[in-house]
Amino acid sequence: MAARAVVAVLAVAILACLAIMERDVRLTARAVEESHHRATLSQAARDLRAAKLLNPDGTLDISLAAVYRSAGQPQRGRATLEALLRREPDNLLAWGLLFAITQRDDPAAAARALAARRRLDPLNARPRR
């Protein structure tokens, strides 16, 4: 009897996790789709922040930083990436986007980001033009 109760609780927990993942995927997909239209960038940012509430994955932070950059708010994007990199210092995508955001305005930060990219991926760390 106890085994059935444990299995039932586990099944409910798994279904709840799957529902949260599905919600996050839908919000992220909608944000990416909307980010192609400048008028809806603020909605895309809201969707990504909402998806991030229950999902600790850094991919949402990277997407949010890219939306901020597209919306002409590179400082917010940079702050988002720097917070992510404090949690995940080996996140290659975050270092690459940080390089792209800072290369024109802050050469020292861009050099740090490029050095981190080279450390993490020495064969593919050259900046794209």
Protein backbone atom coordinates (compact mmCIF):
# COMPACT_ATOMS: atom_id res chain seq x y z
CA MET A 1 0.00 0.00 0.00
CA ALA A 2 2.81 2.40 0.89
CA ALA A 3 4.57 1.58 -2.38
CA ARG A 4 1.47 2.60 -4.34
CA ALA A 5 1.30 5.89 -2.49
CA VAL A 6 4.96 6.59 -3.21
CA VAL A 7 4.46 5.77 -6.89
CA ALA A 8 1.38 8.03 -7.04
CA VAL A 9 3.22 10.95 -5.41
CA LEU A 10 6.18 10.45 -7.73
CA ALA A 11 3.88 10.38 -10.76
CA VAL A 12 2.20 13.64 -9.71
CA ALA A 13 5.60 15.27 -9.17
CA ILE A 14 6.79 14.17 -12.60
CA LEU A 15 3.63 15.47 -14.28
CA ALA A 16 4.04 18.82 -12.52
CA CYS A 17 7.65 19.07 -13.73
CA LEU A 18 6.60 18.22 -17.28
CA ALA A 19 3.86 20.86 -17.17
CA ILE A 20 6.36 23.49 -16.01
CA MET A 21 8.79 22.50 -18.76
CA GLU A 22 6.06 22.70 -21.39
CA ARG A 23 5.03 26.16 -20.16
CA ASP A 24 8.64 27.35 -20.31
CA VAL A 25 9.12 25.99 -23.82
CA ARG A 26 5.96 27.75 -25.03
CA LEU A 27 6.93 31.07 -23.43
CA THR A 28 10.47 30.85 -24.80
CA ALA A 29 9.25 29.98 -28.29
CA ARG A 30 6.81 32.89 -28.22
CA ALA A 31 9.55 35.23 -27.01
CA VAL A 32 11.92 34.15 -29.78
CA GLU A 33 9.18 34.54 -32.38
CA GLU A 34 8.23 37.99 -31.08
CA SER A 35 11.83 39.16 -30.86
CA HIS A 36 11.89 39.48 -34.64
CA HIS A 37 9.50 42.41 -34.38
CA ARG A 38 10.81 45.48 -32.59
CA ALA A 39 7.34 46.45 -31.34
CA THR A 40 7.03 43.23 -29.37
CA LEU A 41 10.52 43.09 -27.82
CA SER A 42 9.18 44.20 -24.46
CA GLN A 43 6.62 41.37 -24.57
CA ALA A 44 9.40 38.93 -25.46
CA ALA A 45 11.40 40.13 -22.44
CA ARG A 46 8.35 39.69 -20.19
CA ASP A 47 7.77 36.19 -21.54
CA LEU A 48 11.39 35.19 -20.95
CA ARG A 49 11.35 36.58 -17.41
CA ALA A 50 8.12 34.64 -16.75
CA ALA A 51 9.62 31.43 -18.15
CA LYS A 52 12.70 31.93 -15.99
CA LEU A 53 10.73 31.95 -12.72
CA LEU A 54 10.62 28.17 -12.46
CA ASN A 55 13.52 27.27 -14.74
CA PRO A 56 17.09 27.78 -13.53
CA ASP A 57 18.57 27.05 -16.96
CA GLY A 58 20.94 29.76 -18.20
CA THR A 59 19.63 29.53 -21.77
CA LEU A 60 16.71 31.76 -20.84
CA ASP A 61 19.12 34.40 -19.49
CA ILE A 62 21.06 34.30 -22.74
CA SER A 63 17.86 34.73 -24.74
CA LEU A 64 16.78 37.59 -22.48
CA ALA A 65 20.16 39.32 -22.91
CA ALA A 66 19.84 38.96 -26.70
CA VAL A 67 16.36 40.52 -26.56
CA TYR A 68 17.68 43.42 -24.49
CA ARG A 69 20.49 43.92 -27.02
CA SER A 70 18.00 43.91 -29.91
CA ALA A 71 15.80 46.38 -28.04
CA GLY A 72 18.70 48.83 -27.75
CA GLN A 73 19.32 48.11 -24.06
CA PRO A 74 22.79 46.54 -24.11
CA GLN A 75 23.51 47.48 -20.49
CA ARG A 76 20.55 45.39 -19.29
CA GLY A 77 21.74 42.54 -21.49
CA ARG A 78 25.23 42.86 -20.10
CA ALA A 79 23.96 42.86 -16.51
CA THR A 80 21.88 39.74 -17.23
CA LEU A 81 24.90 37.95 -18.70
CA GLU A 82 27.22 38.99 -15.88
CA ALA A 83 24.75 37.62 -13.32
CA LEU A 84 24.55 34.37 -15.28
CA LEU A 85 28.33 34.11 -15.54
CA ARG A 86 28.68 34.49 -11.78
CA ARG A 87 26.51 31.36 -11.47
CA GLU A 88 27.91 29.55 -14.53
CA PRO A 89 31.47 30.75 -15.23
CA ASP A 90 31.96 28.09 -17.94
CA ASN A 91 28.95 29.08 -20.07
CA LEU A 92 30.48 29.49 -23.52
CA LEU A 93 27.36 31.01 -25.11
CA ALA A 94 27.13 33.66 -22.40
CA TRP A 95 30.77 34.64 -22.86
CA GLY A 96 30.24 34.89 -26.63
CA LEU A 97 27.22 37.15 -26.30
CA LEU A 98 28.97 39.25 -23.65
CA PHE A 99 31.82 39.72 -26.12
CA ALA A 100 29.35 40.81 -28.81
CA ILE A 101 27.61 43.26 -26.47
CA THR A 102 30.78 44.85 -25.08
CA GLN A 103 33.17 44.88 -28.04
CA ARG A 104 32.29 48.43 -29.12
CA ASP A 105 31.75 50.16 -25.77
CA ASP A 106 34.05 48.38 -23.31
CA PRO A 107 37.20 46.88 -24.85
CA ALA A 108 38.43 45.60 -21.48
CA ALA A 109 35.23 43.62 -20.87
CA ALA A 110 35.31 42.36 -24.45
CA ALA A 111 38.91 41.19 -23.97
CA ARG A 112 37.91 39.35 -20.77
CA ALA A 113 35.02 37.69 -22.57
CA LEU A 114 37.22 36.69 -25.49
CA ALA A 115 39.86 35.31 -23.12
CA ALA A 116 37.18 33.23 -21.38
CA ARG A 117 35.95 31.95 -24.76
CA ARG A 118 39.51 30.98 -25.71
CA ARG A 119 39.96 29.20 -22.40
CA LEU A 120 36.71 27.25 -22.81
CA ASP A 121 36.95 26.55 -26.54
CA PRO A 122 40.47 27.23 -27.83
CA LEU A 123 39.82 25.91 -31.35
CA ASN A 124 36.74 28.05 -32.09
CA ALA A 125 37.31 31.19 -30.07
CA ARG A 126 38.03 33.64 -32.85
CA PRO A 127 35.49 36.48 -32.96
CA ARG A 128 33.10 36.46 -35.90
CA ARG A 129 32.92 39.51 -38.06
